[in-house]
């Protein structure tokens, strides 16, 4: 299970990106894939308040499930 603080920060970042916040849009353009170390680096840069509590285990799978449910195709694909 993912830390609720991480999910809250993730949804806040999504809302900011939808509103056009440049930093949030940049964050989503640079979402890593596969490498837990890359996720840690990304979290430290774009969600520094939750980075110490973040575990990449399972996060990418849950993110992929969210993409599927929402009908989102990441730009990189």
Protein backbone atom coordinates (compact mmCIF):
# COMPACT_ATOMS: atom_id res chain seq x y z
CA UNK A 1 0.00 0.00 0.00
CA UNK A 2 1.23 3.46 -0.86
CA UNK A 3 1.65 6.08 1.82
CA UNK A 4 -1.45 8.36 1.81
CA UNK A 5 0.81 11.44 1.90
CA UNK A 6 2.42 10.32 -1.36
CA UNK A 7 -1.00 9.88 -2.99
CA UNK A 8 -2.14 13.28 -1.72
CA UNK A 9 0.97 14.92 -3.15
CA UNK A 10 0.47 13.02 -6.44
CA UNK A 11 -3.14 14.18 -6.81
CA UNK A 12 -2.17 17.75 -5.90
CA UNK A 13 0.51 17.64 -8.60
CA UNK A 14 -2.08 16.33 -11.09
CA UNK A 15 -4.50 19.14 -10.22
CA UNK A 16 -1.75 21.72 -10.64
CA UNK A 17 -0.79 20.26 -14.02
CA UNK A 18 -4.42 20.40 -15.15
CA UNK A 19 -4.53 24.07 -14.16
CA UNK A 20 -1.47 24.74 -16.31
CA UNK A 21 1.22 25.07 -13.67
CA UNK A 22 4.48 24.83 -15.61
CA UNK A 23 6.44 22.95 -12.93
CA UNK A 24 3.67 20.36 -12.54
CA UNK A 25 3.41 19.87 -16.30
CA UNK A 26 7.18 19.44 -16.46
CA UNK A 27 6.94 16.84 -13.70
CA UNK A 28 4.46 14.76 -15.70
CA UNK A 29 6.51 15.06 -18.87
CA UNK A 30 9.44 13.55 -16.96
CA UNK A 31 7.74 10.65 -15.14
CA UNK A 32 10.29 7.82 -15.05
CA UNK A 33 9.54 4.20 -15.82
CA UNK A 34 10.82 1.02 -14.28
CA UNK A 35 13.81 2.16 -12.25
CA UNK A 36 13.11 2.68 -8.53
CA UNK A 37 16.19 4.88 -8.26
CA UNK A 38 14.84 7.13 -11.03
CA UNK A 39 11.54 7.35 -9.13
CA UNK A 40 13.38 8.41 -5.97
CA UNK A 41 15.21 11.14 -7.89
CA UNK A 42 11.96 12.31 -9.51
CA UNK A 43 10.18 12.39 -6.13
CA UNK A 44 13.01 14.42 -4.55
CA UNK A 45 12.74 16.95 -7.38
CA UNK A 46 8.97 17.28 -7.82
CA UNK A 47 7.50 16.15 -4.47
CA UNK A 48 10.26 16.84 -1.94
CA UNK A 49 7.94 16.84 1.09
CA UNK A 50 7.08 13.16 0.64
CA UNK A 51 10.32 11.84 -0.87
CA UNK A 52 11.73 10.48 2.44
CA UNK A 53 8.57 8.40 2.95
CA UNK A 54 8.35 7.18 -0.63
CA UNK A 55 8.85 3.58 -1.64
CA UNK A 56 8.80 2.87 -5.36
CA UNK A 57 7.65 -0.69 -4.69
CA UNK A 58 4.24 -1.03 -6.26
CA UNK A 59 3.91 2.67 -7.08
CA UNK A 60 4.48 2.23 -10.79
CA UNK A 61 1.98 -0.65 -10.94
CA UNK A 62 -0.64 1.50 -9.21
CA UNK A 63 0.18 4.39 -11.52
CA UNK A 64 -0.27 2.15 -14.57
CA UNK A 65 -3.61 0.97 -13.18
CA UNK A 66 -4.69 4.58 -12.69
CA UNK A 67 -3.64 5.40 -16.28
CA UNK A 68 -5.71 2.45 -17.52
CA UNK A 69 -8.78 3.39 -15.50
CA UNK A 70 -8.64 7.03 -16.59
CA UNK A 71 -7.93 6.20 -20.24
CA UNK A 72 -4.64 8.11 -20.10
CA UNK A 73 -1.80 7.34 -22.47
CA UNK A 74 1.45 8.87 -21.21
CA UNK A 75 3.08 11.19 -23.72
CA UNK A 76 6.22 9.02 -23.84
CA UNK A 77 4.17 6.21 -25.37
